[in-house]
PDB file of N, CA and C in Angstrom:
ATOM      1  N   MET A   1       6.875  -9.546 -39.527  1.00  0.00           N
ATOM      2  CA  MET A   1       7.399  -8.508 -38.551  1.00  0.00           C
ATOM      3  C   MET A   1       5.660  -8.119 -37.625  1.00  0.00           C
ATOM      4  N   GLY A   2       5.005  -8.314 -38.318  1.00  0.00           N
ATOM      5  CA  GLY A   2       3.212  -8.133 -37.316  1.00  0.00           C
ATOM      6  C   GLY A   2       3.434  -9.197 -36.372  1.00  0.00           C
ATOM      7  N   ASN A   3       3.890 -10.201 -36.727  1.00  0.00           N
ATOM      8  CA  ASN A   3       3.819 -11.659 -35.570  1.00  0.00           C
ATOM      9  C   ASN A   3       4.816 -11.305 -34.362  1.00  0.00           C
ATOM     10  N   SER A   4       5.956 -10.622 -34.890  1.00  0.00           N
ATOM     11  CA  SER A   4       6.922 -10.501 -33.754  1.00  0.00           C
ATOM     12  C   SER A   4       6.641  -9.312 -32.765  1.00  0.00           C
ATOM     13  N   SER A   5       5.886  -7.831 -33.392  1.00  0.00           N
ATOM     14  CA  SER A   5       5.396  -7.050 -32.453  1.00  0.00           C
ATOM     15  C   SER A   5       4.097  -7.465 -31.660  1.00  0.00           C
ATOM     16  N   SER A   6       3.401  -8.550 -32.180  1.00  0.00           N
ATOM     17  CA  SER A   6       2.128  -8.728 -31.525  1.00  0.00           C
ATOM     18  C   SER A   6       2.921  -9.827 -30.002  1.00  0.00           C
ATOM     19  N   LYS A   7       4.014 -10.461 -30.442  1.00  0.00           N
ATOM     20  CA  LYS A   7       4.643 -11.372 -29.362  1.00  0.00           C
ATOM     21  C   LYS A   7       5.254 -10.121 -28.128  1.00  0.00           C
ATOM     22  N   TYR A   8       5.535  -9.125 -28.647  1.00  0.00           N
ATOM     23  CA  TYR A   8       6.243  -8.419 -27.905  1.00  0.00           C
ATOM     24  C   TYR A   8       5.157  -7.737 -26.904  1.00  0.00           C
ATOM     25  N   TYR A   9       4.002  -7.324 -27.645  1.00  0.00           N
ATOM     26  CA  TYR A   9       2.758  -6.741 -26.620  1.00  0.00           C
ATOM     27  C   TYR A   9       2.099  -7.842 -25.843  1.00  0.00           C
ATOM     28  N   LEU A  10       2.006  -8.820 -26.265  1.00  0.00           N
ATOM     29  CA  LEU A  10       1.917  -9.870 -25.515  1.00  0.00           C
ATOM     30  C   LEU A  10       2.733 -10.196 -24.117  1.00  0.00           C
ATOM     31  N   LYS A  11       4.009  -9.935 -24.241  1.00  0.00           N
ATOM     32  CA  LYS A  11       4.614 -10.575 -23.091  1.00  0.00           C
ATOM     33  C   LYS A  11       4.535  -9.073 -22.303  1.00  0.00           C
ATOM     34  N   VAL A  12       4.763  -8.354 -22.955  1.00  0.00           N
ATOM     35  CA  VAL A  12       4.383  -6.828 -21.829  1.00  0.00           C
ATOM     36  C   VAL A  12       2.905  -7.105 -21.040  1.00  0.00           C
ATOM     37  N   LEU A  13       1.998  -7.080 -21.519  1.00  0.00           N
ATOM     38  CA  LEU A  13       0.479  -7.123 -21.554  1.00  0.00           C
ATOM     39  C   LEU A  13       0.673  -8.436 -19.985  1.00  0.00           C
ATOM     40  N   LEU A  14       1.409  -9.323 -20.460  1.00  0.00           N
ATOM     41  CA  LEU A  14       1.205 -10.545 -19.467  1.00  0.00           C
ATOM     42  C   LEU A  14       2.413  -9.930 -18.337  1.00  0.00           C
ATOM     43  N   LYS A  15       3.490  -9.397 -18.381  1.00  0.00           N
ATOM     44  CA  LYS A  15       4.189  -8.805 -17.066  1.00  0.00           C
ATOM     45  C   LYS A  15       3.310  -7.685 -16.331  1.00  0.00           C
ATOM     46  N   ILE A  16       2.564  -7.068 -17.306  1.00  0.00           N
ATOM     47  CA  ILE A  16       1.639  -6.200 -16.361  1.00  0.00           C
ATOM     48  C   ILE A  16       0.612  -6.771 -15.647  1.00  0.00           C
ATOM     49  N   LEU A  17       0.131  -7.794 -16.160  1.00  0.00           N
ATOM     50  CA  LEU A  17      -1.024  -8.528 -15.544  1.00  0.00           C
ATOM     51  C   LEU A  17      -0.609  -9.090 -14.321  1.00  0.00           C
ATOM     52  N   LYS A  18       0.874  -9.848 -14.201  1.00  0.00           N
ATOM     53  CA  LYS A  18       1.331 -10.349 -13.318  1.00  0.00           C
ATOM     54  C   LYS A  18       1.344  -9.408 -12.347  1.00  0.00           C
ATOM     55  N   GLY A  19       2.162  -8.294 -12.527  1.00  0.00           N
ATOM     56  CA  GLY A  19       2.550  -7.245 -11.623  1.00  0.00           C
ATOM     57  C   GLY A  19       0.955  -6.748 -11.068  1.00  0.00           C
ATOM     58  N   VAL A  20      -0.072  -6.768 -11.593  1.00  0.00           N
ATOM     59  CA  VAL A  20      -1.104  -6.202 -10.781  1.00  0.00           C
ATOM     60  C   VAL A  20      -1.651  -7.726 -10.267  1.00  0.00           C
ATOM     61  N   ALA A  21      -1.605  -8.323 -10.219  1.00  0.00           N
ATOM     62  CA  ALA A  21      -1.995  -9.840  -9.675  1.00  0.00           C
ATOM     63  C   ALA A  21      -1.154  -9.742  -8.411  1.00  0.00           C
ATOM     64  N   ILE A  22       0.241  -9.688  -8.189  1.00  0.00           N
ATOM     65  CA  ILE A  22       1.085  -9.508  -7.257  1.00  0.00           C
ATOM     66  C   ILE A  22       0.460  -8.408  -6.133  1.00  0.00           C
ATOM     67  N   LEU A  23       0.363  -7.432  -6.839  1.00  0.00           N
ATOM     68  CA  LEU A  23      -0.256  -6.077  -6.052  1.00  0.00           C
ATOM     69  C   LEU A  23      -1.498  -5.965  -5.385  1.00  0.00           C
ATOM     70  N   PHE A  24      -2.400  -6.914  -6.030  1.00  0.00           N
ATOM     71  CA  PHE A  24      -3.655  -7.140  -5.654  1.00  0.00           C
ATOM     72  C   PHE A  24      -3.379  -8.203  -4.280  1.00  0.00           C
ATOM     73  N   VAL A  25      -2.721  -9.399  -4.531  1.00  0.00           N
ATOM     74  CA  VAL A  25      -2.317 -10.248  -3.316  1.00  0.00           C
ATOM     75  C   VAL A  25      -1.603  -9.326  -2.175  1.00  0.00           C
ATOM     76  N   ILE A  26      -0.682  -8.768  -2.442  1.00  0.00           N
ATOM     77  CA  ILE A  26       0.040  -7.767  -1.246  1.00  0.00           C
ATOM     78  C   ILE A  26      -0.724  -7.137  -0.484  1.00  0.00           C
ATOM     79  N   THR A  27      -2.071  -6.106  -1.406  1.00  0.00           N
ATOM     80  CA  THR A  27      -2.705  -5.527  -0.749  1.00  0.00           C
ATOM     81  C   THR A  27      -3.657  -6.205  -0.112  1.00  0.00           C
ATOM     82  N   MET A  28      -4.144  -7.423  -0.156  1.00  0.00           N
ATOM     83  CA  MET A  28      -5.398  -7.985   0.530  1.00  0.00           C
ATOM     84  C   MET A  28      -4.625  -8.607   1.695  1.00  0.00           C
ATOM     85  N   VAL A  29      -3.645  -9.032   1.686  1.00  0.00           N
ATOM     86  CA  VAL A  29      -2.753  -9.444   2.709  1.00  0.00           C
ATOM     87  C   VAL A  29      -2.725  -8.180   3.842  1.00  0.00           C
ATOM     88  N   GLY A  30      -2.150  -7.287   3.216  1.00  0.00           N
ATOM     89  CA  GLY A  30      -2.376  -5.862   4.138  1.00  0.00           C
ATOM     90  C   GLY A  30      -3.517  -5.501   4.656  1.00  0.00           C
ATOM     91  N   CYS A  31      -4.435  -5.565   4.217  1.00  0.00           N
ATOM     92  CA  CYS A  31      -5.745  -5.395   4.712  1.00  0.00           C
ATOM     93  C   CYS A  31      -6.261  -6.252   5.971  1.00  0.00           C
ATOM     94  N   LEU A  32      -5.770  -7.556   5.549  1.00  0.00           N
ATOM     95  CA  LEU A  32      -6.109  -8.387   6.771  1.00  0.00           C
ATOM     96  C   LEU A  32      -5.313  -8.387   7.850  1.00  0.00           C
ATOM     97  N   ILE A  33      -4.045  -8.099   7.529  1.00  0.00           N
ATOM     98  CA  ILE A  33      -2.981  -7.722   8.954  1.00  0.00           C
ATOM     99  C   ILE A  33      -3.549  -6.621   9.477  1.00  0.00           C
ATOM    100  N   ALA A  34      -3.909  -5.403   8.715  1.00  0.00           N
ATOM    101  CA  ALA A  34      -4.451  -4.176   9.352  1.00  0.00           C
ATOM    102  C   ALA A  34      -5.553  -4.386  10.094  1.00  0.00           C
ATOM    103  N   ASP A  35      -6.546  -4.901   9.422  1.00  0.00           N
ATOM    104  CA  ASP A  35      -7.913  -5.550  10.370  1.00  0.00           C
ATOM    105  C   ASP A  35      -7.711  -5.972  11.445  1.00  0.00           C
ATOM    106  N   LYS A  36      -6.657  -7.096  11.723  1.00  0.00           N
ATOM    107  CA  LYS A  36      -6.582  -8.061  12.777  1.00  0.00           C
ATOM    108  C   LYS A  36      -5.773  -7.358  13.735  1.00  0.00           C
ATOM    109  N   ILE A  37      -4.689  -6.719  13.441  1.00  0.00           N
ATOM    110  CA  ILE A  37      -3.598  -6.294  14.286  1.00  0.00           C
ATOM    111  C   ILE A  37      -2.961  -5.021  14.502  1.00  0.00           C
ATOM    112  N   CYS A  38      -3.871  -3.929  13.428  1.00  0.00           N
ATOM    113  CA  CYS A  38      -3.651  -2.685  13.593  1.00  0.00           C
ATOM    114  C   CYS A  38      -4.883  -1.586  13.568  1.00  0.00           C
ATOM    115  N   PHE A  39      -5.849  -2.042  14.177  1.00  0.00           N
ATOM    116  CA  PHE A  39      -7.155  -1.551  14.020  1.00  0.00           C
ATOM    117  C   PHE A  39      -6.694  -0.356  14.856  1.00  0.00           C
ATOM    118  N   ILE A  40      -7.336   0.912  14.616  1.00  0.00           N
ATOM    119  CA  ILE A  40      -7.231   2.149  15.302  1.00  0.00           C
ATOM    120  C   ILE A  40      -8.502   2.330  15.736  1.00  0.00           C
ATOM    121  N   ARG A  41      -8.501   2.707  17.259  1.00  0.00           N
ATOM    122  CA  ARG A  41      -9.724   2.908  17.897  1.00  0.00           C
ATOM    123  C   ARG A  41      -9.601   4.695  18.270  1.00  0.00           C
ATOM    124  N   SER A  42     -10.755   5.035  18.319  1.00  0.00           N
ATOM    125  CA  SER A  42     -11.063   6.340  18.385  1.00  0.00           C
ATOM    126  C   SER A  42     -11.182   7.145  19.911  1.00  0.00           C
ATOM    127  N   ASP A  43     -11.360   6.070  20.734  1.00  0.00           N
ATOM    128  CA  ASP A  43     -11.195   6.234  22.425  1.00  0.00           C
ATOM    129  C   ASP A  43      -9.648   6.086  22.877  1.00  0.00           C
ATOM    130  N   ILE A  44      -8.519   5.776  22.081  1.00  0.00           N
ATOM    131  CA  ILE A  44      -7.291   5.482  22.547  1.00  0.00           C
ATOM    132  C   ILE A  44      -6.534   6.913  22.006  1.00  0.00           C
ATOM    133  N   ARG A  45      -5.368   7.364  22.783  1.00  0.00           N
ATOM    134  CA  ARG A  45      -4.598   8.655  22.613  1.00  0.00           C
ATOM    135  C   ARG A  45      -3.416   7.798  22.281  1.00  0.00           C
ATOM    136  N   TYR A  46      -3.240   8.069  20.754  1.00  0.00           N
ATOM    137  CA  TYR A  46      -1.823   6.928  20.229  1.00  0.00           C
ATOM    138  C   TYR A  46      -0.570   7.952  20.270  1.00  0.00           C
ATOM    139  N   GLU A  47       0.483   7.219  20.573  1.00  0.00           N
ATOM    140  CA  GLU A  47       1.965   8.090  20.687  1.00  0.00           C
ATOM    141  C   GLU A  47       2.528   8.046  19.916  1.00  0.00           C
ATOM    142  N   TRP A  48       3.759   8.256  19.615  1.00  0.00           N
ATOM    143  CA  TRP A  48       4.610   8.363  18.318  1.00  0.00           C
ATOM    144  C   TRP A  48       4.974   7.125  17.678  1.00  0.00           C
ATOM    145  N   TYR A  49       5.053   6.213  18.811  1.00  0.00           N
ATOM    146  CA  TYR A  49       5.297   4.483  18.324  1.00  0.00           C
ATOM    147  C   TYR A  49       4.260   4.157  17.480  1.00  0.00           C
ATOM    148  N   SER A  50       3.109   4.403  17.905  1.00  0.00           N
ATOM    149  CA  SER A  50       1.607   4.273  17.052  1.00  0.00           C
ATOM    150  C   SER A  50       1.606   4.593  15.744  1.00  0.00           C
ATOM    151  N   GLY A  51       2.131   6.142  15.839  1.00  0.00           N
ATOM    152  CA  GLY A  51       2.281   6.458  14.447  1.00  0.00           C
ATOM    153  C   GLY A  51       2.918   5.951  13.288  1.00  0.00           C
ATOM    154  N   ILE A  52       4.516   5.024  13.875  1.00  0.00           N
ATOM    155  CA  ILE A  52       5.028   4.372  13.010  1.00  0.00           C
ATOM    156  C   ILE A  52       4.590   3.222  12.414  1.00  0.00           C
ATOM    157  N   TRP A  53       3.497   2.586  13.238  1.00  0.00           N
ATOM    158  CA  TRP A  53       2.593   1.213  12.929  1.00  0.00           C
ATOM    159  C   TRP A  53       1.481   1.591  11.997  1.00  0.00           C
ATOM    160  N   HIS A  54       0.852   2.912  12.274  1.00  0.00           N
ATOM    161  CA  HIS A  54      -0.124   3.529  11.563  1.00  0.00           C
ATOM    162  C   HIS A  54      -0.003   3.942  10.328  1.00  0.00           C
ATOM    163  N   GLY A  55       1.186   4.196   9.979  1.00  0.00           N
ATOM    164  CA  GLY A  55       1.709   4.933   8.844  1.00  0.00           C
ATOM    165  C   GLY A  55       2.088   3.936   7.647  1.00  0.00           C
ATOM    166  N   LEU A  56       2.930   3.058   8.446  1.00  0.00           N
ATOM    167  CA  LEU A  56       3.035   1.591   7.478  1.00  0.00           C
ATOM    168  C   LEU A  56       1.732   1.036   7.013  1.00  0.00           C
ATOM    169  N   PHE A  57       0.538   1.055   7.916  1.00  0.00           N
ATOM    170  CA  PHE A  57      -0.659   0.552   7.262  1.00  0.00           C
ATOM    171  C   PHE A  57      -1.604   1.347   6.874  1.00  0.00           C
ATOM    172  N   MET A  58      -0.965   2.490   6.253  1.00  0.00           N
ATOM    173  CA  MET A  58      -2.424   3.758   5.982  1.00  0.00           C
ATOM    174  C   MET A  58      -3.176   3.202   4.650  1.00  0.00           C
ATOM    175  N   VAL A  59      -2.064   2.495   3.507  1.00  0.00           N
ATOM    176  CA  VAL A  59      -2.592   1.978   2.614  1.00  0.00           C
ATOM    177  C   VAL A  59      -3.686   1.360   2.745  1.00  0.00           C
ATOM    178  N   PRO A  60      -3.683  -0.041   3.497  1.00  0.00           N
ATOM    179  CA  PRO A  60      -4.620  -1.054   3.437  1.00  0.00           C
ATOM    180  C   PRO A  60      -5.836  -0.082   4.421  1.00  0.00           C
ATOM    181  N   HIS A  61      -5.677   0.737   5.342  1.00  0.00           N
ATOM    182  CA  HIS A  61      -6.651   1.395   6.067  1.00  0.00           C
ATOM    183  C   HIS A  61      -7.360   1.972   5.175  1.00  0.00           C
ATOM    184  N   TRP A  62      -6.544   2.892   4.092  1.00  0.00           N
ATOM    185  CA  TRP A  62      -7.368   3.498   3.280  1.00  0.00           C
ATOM    186  C   TRP A  62      -8.167   2.841   2.400  1.00  0.00           C
ATOM    187  N   ILE A  63      -7.781   1.626   1.697  1.00  0.00           N
ATOM    188  CA  ILE A  63      -8.617   0.799   0.926  1.00  0.00           C
ATOM    189  C   ILE A  63      -9.879   0.256   1.850  1.00  0.00           C
ATOM    190  N   MET A  64      -9.473  -0.101   3.006  1.00  0.00           N
ATOM    191  CA  MET A  64     -10.613  -0.636   3.577  1.00  0.00           C
ATOM    192  C   MET A  64     -11.806   0.397   4.083  1.00  0.00           C
ATOM    193  N   ALA A  65     -11.488   1.553   4.265  1.00  0.00           N
ATOM    194  CA  ALA A  65     -12.314   2.761   4.545  1.00  0.00           C
ATOM    195  C   ALA A  65     -12.751   2.912   3.150  1.00  0.00           C
ATOM    196  N   ASN A  66     -12.598   3.295   1.785  1.00  0.00           N
ATOM    197  CA  ASN A  66     -13.197   3.664   0.829  1.00  0.00           C
ATOM    198  C   ASN A  66     -13.577   2.588  -0.413  1.00  0.00           C
ATOM    199  N   VAL A  67     -12.641   1.371  -0.372  1.00  0.00           N
ATOM    200  CA  VAL A  67     -13.240   0.452  -1.298  1.00  0.00           C
ATOM    201  C   VAL A  67     -14.144  -0.716  -0.491  1.00  0.00           C
ATOM    202  N   PHE A  68     -13.845  -1.034   0.583  1.00  0.00           N
ATOM    203  CA  PHE A  68     -14.565  -1.823   1.411  1.00  0.00           C
ATOM    204  C   PHE A  68     -15.723  -1.252   2.102  1.00  0.00           C
ATOM    205  N   ASP A  69     -15.588   0.112   2.111  1.00  0.00           N
ATOM    206  CA  ASP A  69     -16.933   0.372   2.866  1.00  0.00           C
ATOM    207  C   ASP A  69     -17.052   0.460   4.360  1.00  0.00           C
ATOM    208  N   LYS A  70     -15.650   0.326   4.860  1.00  0.00           N
ATOM    209  CA  LYS A  70     -15.903  -0.351   6.564  1.00  0.00           C
ATOM    210  C   LYS A  70     -15.375   0.909   7.138  1.00  0.00           C
ATOM    211  N   ASN A  71     -15.774   1.142   8.531  1.00  0.00           N
ATOM    212  CA  ASN A  71     -15.668   2.181   9.377  1.00  0.00           C
ATOM    213  C   ASN A  71     -14.234   2.079   9.667  1.00  0.00           C
ATOM    214  N   VAL A  72     -13.452   2.687   9.145  1.00  0.00           N
ATOM    215  CA  VAL A  72     -11.734   2.461   9.554  1.00  0.00           C
ATOM    216  C   VAL A  72     -11.235   3.861   9.486  1.00  0.00           C
ATOM    217  N   TYR A  73     -10.442   4.355  10.578  1.00  0.00           N
ATOM    218  CA  TYR A  73      -9.369   5.402  10.374  1.00  0.00           C
ATOM    219  C   TYR A  73      -8.277   5.068   9.745  1.00  0.00           C
ATOM    220  N   CYS A  74      -7.918   6.222   8.934  1.00  0.00           N
ATOM    221  CA  CYS A  74      -6.496   6.043   8.484  1.00  0.00           C
ATOM    222  C   CYS A  74      -5.515   6.492   9.335  1.00  0.00           C
ATOM    223  N   GLN A  75      -6.127   7.816  10.205  1.00  0.00           N
ATOM    224  CA  GLN A  75      -4.981   8.197  11.365  1.00  0.00           C
ATOM    225  C   GLN A  75      -5.947   8.207  12.200  1.00  0.00           C
ATOM    226  N   ALA A  76      -5.358   8.150  13.634  1.00  0.00           N
ATOM    227  CA  ALA A  76      -6.308   8.281  14.502  1.00  0.00           C
ATOM    228  C   ALA A  76      -6.584   9.592  14.771  1.00  0.00           C
ATOM    229  N   PRO A  77      -7.799   9.729  15.447  1.00  0.00           N
ATOM    230  CA  PRO A  77      -8.233  10.849  15.813  1.00  0.00           C
ATOM    231  C   PRO A  77      -7.788  11.437  16.974  1.00  0.00           C
ATOM    232  N   ASN A  78      -7.406  10.773  17.854  1.00  0.00           N
ATOM    233  CA  ASN A  78      -6.670  11.379  19.466  1.00  0.00           C
ATOM    234  C   ASN A  78      -5.112  10.761  19.038  1.00  0.00           C
ATOM    235  N   HIS A  79      -4.347  11.542  19.082  1.00  0.00           N
ATOM    236  CA  HIS A  79      -3.318  11.370  19.022  1.00  0.00           C
ATOM    237  C   HIS A  79      -2.124  12.925  19.357  1.00  0.00           C
ATOM    238  N   THR A  80      -0.888  12.221  19.290  1.00  0.00           N
ATOM    239  CA  THR A  80       0.103  13.427  19.655  1.00  0.00           C
ATOM    240  C   THR A  80       0.752  14.165  18.500  1.00  0.00           C
ATOM    241  N   SER A  81       1.438  15.080  18.713  1.00  0.00           N
ATOM    242  CA  SER A  81       2.163  15.738  17.447  1.00  0.00           C
ATOM    243  C   SER A  81       3.092  14.883  17.338  1.00  0.00           C
ATOM    244  N   GLY A  82       3.931  14.186  17.950  1.00  0.00           N
ATOM    245  CA  GLY A  82       4.710  13.091  17.472  1.00  0.00           C
ATOM    246  C   GLY A  82       4.305  11.646  16.626  1.00  0.00           C
ATOM    247  N   TYR A  83       3.131  11.688  16.844  1.00  0.00           N
ATOM    248  CA  TYR A  83       2.385  10.686  16.211  1.00  0.00           C
ATOM    249  C   TYR A  83       2.175  10.989  14.733  1.00  0.00           C
ATOM    250  N   VAL A  84       1.762  12.372  14.607  1.00  0.00           N
ATOM    251  CA  VAL A  84       1.741  12.723  13.034  1.00  0.00           C
ATOM    252  C   VAL A  84       2.963  12.786  12.586  1.00  0.00           C
ATOM    253  N   PHE A  85       4.055  13.107  12.941  1.00  0.00           N
ATOM    254  CA  PHE A  85       5.477  13.612  12.489  1.00  0.00           C
ATOM    255  C   PHE A  85       5.994  11.950  12.157  1.00  0.00           C
ATOM    256  N   TYR A  86       5.899  10.815  12.719  1.00  0.00           N
ATOM    257  CA  TYR A  86       5.946   9.519  12.668  1.00  0.00           C
ATOM    258  C   TYR A  86       5.107   9.063  11.576  1.00  0.00           C
ATOM    259  N   TRP A  87       4.045   9.312  11.608  1.00  0.00           N
ATOM    260  CA  TRP A  87       2.724   8.592  10.516  1.00  0.00           C
ATOM    261  C   TRP A  87       3.398   9.514   9.209  1.00  0.00           C
ATOM    262  N   TRP A  88       3.509  10.495   9.165  1.00  0.00           N
ATOM    263  CA  TRP A  88       4.062  11.230   7.890  1.00  0.00           C
ATOM    264  C   TRP A  88       5.204  10.469   7.235  1.00  0.00           C
ATOM    265  N   LEU A  89       6.002  10.312   8.118  1.00  0.00           N
ATOM    266  CA  LEU A  89       7.417   9.785   7.752  1.00  0.00           C
ATOM    267  C   LEU A  89       7.304   8.592   7.519  1.00  0.00           C
ATOM    268  N   MET A  90       6.664   7.544   7.907  1.00  0.00           N
ATOM    269  CA  MET A  90       6.382   6.205   7.505  1.00  0.00           C
ATOM    270  C   MET A  90       5.463   6.002   6.347  1.00  0.00           C
ATOM    271  N   LEU A  91       4.602   7.246   5.979  1.00  0.00           N
ATOM    272  CA  LEU A  91       3.928   6.826   4.844  1.00  0.00           C
ATOM    273  C   LEU A  91       4.793   7.241   3.483  1.00  0.00           C
ATOM    274  N   VAL A  92       5.647   8.292   3.747  1.00  0.00           N
ATOM    275  CA  VAL A  92       6.836   8.623   2.767  1.00  0.00           C
ATOM    276  C   VAL A  92       7.547   7.497   2.500  1.00  0.00           C
ATOM    277  N   PHE A  93       7.935   7.127   3.369  1.00  0.00           N
ATOM    278  CA  PHE A  93       8.906   5.902   3.540  1.00  0.00           C
ATOM    279  C   PHE A  93       8.105   4.763   2.750  1.00  0.00           C
ATOM    280  N   HIS A  94       7.096   4.184   2.879  1.00  0.00           N
ATOM    281  CA  HIS A  94       5.915   3.369   2.530  1.00  0.00           C
ATOM    282  C   HIS A  94       5.960   3.706   0.855  1.00  0.00           C
ATOM    283  N   THR A  95       5.527   4.744   0.557  1.00  0.00           N
ATOM    284  CA  THR A  95       5.236   5.225  -1.017  1.00  0.00           C
ATOM    285  C   THR A  95       6.879   5.190  -1.611  1.00  0.00           C
ATOM    286  N   PHE A  96       7.959   5.563  -1.074  1.00  0.00           N
ATOM    287  CA  PHE A  96       8.918   5.076  -1.481  1.00  0.00           C
ATOM    288  C   PHE A  96       9.542   4.065  -2.027  1.00  0.00           C
ATOM    289  N   VAL A  97       9.371   3.138  -1.002  1.00  0.00           N
ATOM    290  CA  VAL A  97       9.523   1.559  -1.149  1.00  0.00           C
ATOM    291  C   VAL A  97       8.675   1.176  -2.325  1.00  0.00           C
ATOM    292  N   ALA A  98       7.514   1.446  -2.293  1.00  0.00           N
ATOM    293  CA  ALA A  98       6.716   1.097  -3.169  1.00  0.00           C
ATOM    294  C   ALA A  98       7.154   1.517  -4.507  1.00  0.00           C
ATOM    295  N   PHE A  99       7.592   2.529  -4.971  1.00  0.00           N
ATOM    296  CA  PHE A  99       8.354   3.226  -6.268  1.00  0.00           C
ATOM    297  C   PHE A  99       9.297   2.576  -6.519  1.00  0.00           C
ATOM    298  N   CYS A 100       9.918   2.293  -5.505  1.00  0.00           N
ATOM    299  CA  CYS A 100      11.675   1.383  -5.770  1.00  0.00           C
ATOM    300  C   CYS A 100      11.377  -0.323  -6.330  1.00  0.00           C
ATOM    301  N   ALA A 101      10.119  -0.530  -5.695  1.00  0.00           N
ATOM    302  CA  ALA A 101       9.704  -2.192  -6.102  1.00  0.00           C
ATOM    303  C   ALA A 101       8.973  -2.340  -7.163  1.00  0.00           C
ATOM    304  N   ILE A 102       8.513  -1.233  -7.843  1.00  0.00           N
ATOM    305  CA  ILE A 102       7.992  -1.230  -9.079  1.00  0.00           C
ATOM    306  C   ILE A 102       9.011  -1.468 -10.290  1.00  0.00           C
ATOM    307  N   GLY A 103      10.539  -1.008  -9.945  1.00  0.00           N
ATOM    308  CA  GLY A 103      11.463  -1.390 -10.827  1.00  0.00           C
ATOM    309  C   GLY A 103      11.462  -0.640 -12.050  1.00  0.00           C
ATOM    310  N   PRO A 104      12.492  -1.027 -12.979  1.00  0.00           N
ATOM    311  CA  PRO A 104      12.643  -0.104 -14.519  1.00  0.00           C
ATOM    312  C   PRO A 104      11.540  -0.174 -15.501  1.00  0.00           C
ATOM    313  N   GLY A 105      10.269  -0.478 -14.954  1.00  0.00           N
ATOM    314  CA  GLY A 105       9.169  -0.852 -15.981  1.00  0.00           C
ATOM    315  C   GLY A 105       8.931  -2.157 -16.482  1.00  0.00           C
ATOM    316  N   THR A 106       8.359  -2.027 -17.709  1.00  0.00           N
ATOM    317  CA  THR A 106       7.942  -3.144 -18.147  1.00  0.00           C
ATOM    318  C   THR A 106       8.926  -3.599 -19.309  1.00  0.00           C
ATOM    319  N   SER A 107      10.036  -3.011 -19.586  1.00  0.00           N
ATOM    320  CA  SER A 107      10.705  -3.522 -20.832  1.00  0.00           C
ATOM    321  C   SER A 107      10.933  -4.642 -20.584  1.00  0.00           C
ATOM    322  N   ILE A 108      11.364  -5.651 -21.848  1.00  0.00           N
ATOM    323  CA  ILE A 108      11.656  -6.551 -21.855  1.00  0.00           C
ATOM    324  C   ILE A 108      13.053  -6.889 -22.645  1.00  0.00           C
ATOM    325  N   LYS A 109      13.532  -5.814 -23.356  1.00  0.00           N
ATOM    326  CA  LYS A 109      14.721  -5.626 -24.268  1.00  0.00           C
ATOM    327  C   LYS A 109      15.663  -6.222 -23.455  1.00  0.00           C
ATOM    328  N   LYS A 110      16.741  -7.007 -23.964  1.00  0.00           N
ATOM    329  CA  LYS A 110      18.101  -7.211 -22.983  1.00  0.00           C
ATOM    330  C   LYS A 110      19.247  -6.558 -23.361  1.00  0.00           C
TER     331      LYS A 110
END
């Protein structure tokens, strides 16, 4: 009985580690894309369509600003009210998709 439960916990641990590794790779790719093609400048006034783009890349911007200690904005300092609306809309959408991607959890029952 002990051998069976240890195999179960090992499978669960491996599944969690695989998920963490995939999330790490996706986050690093997002940071690279955000740094190269979605850099937020303080001297530009951003419109609503930029709010969509910046809202989708908010997580990589936040990670670059806080984890990598880079001078990066998560939201443009000079923007319109439409920008704020679409920025929040895309952030909520991004969060919803991330929770849906997690799936039903780490259960390995059949």
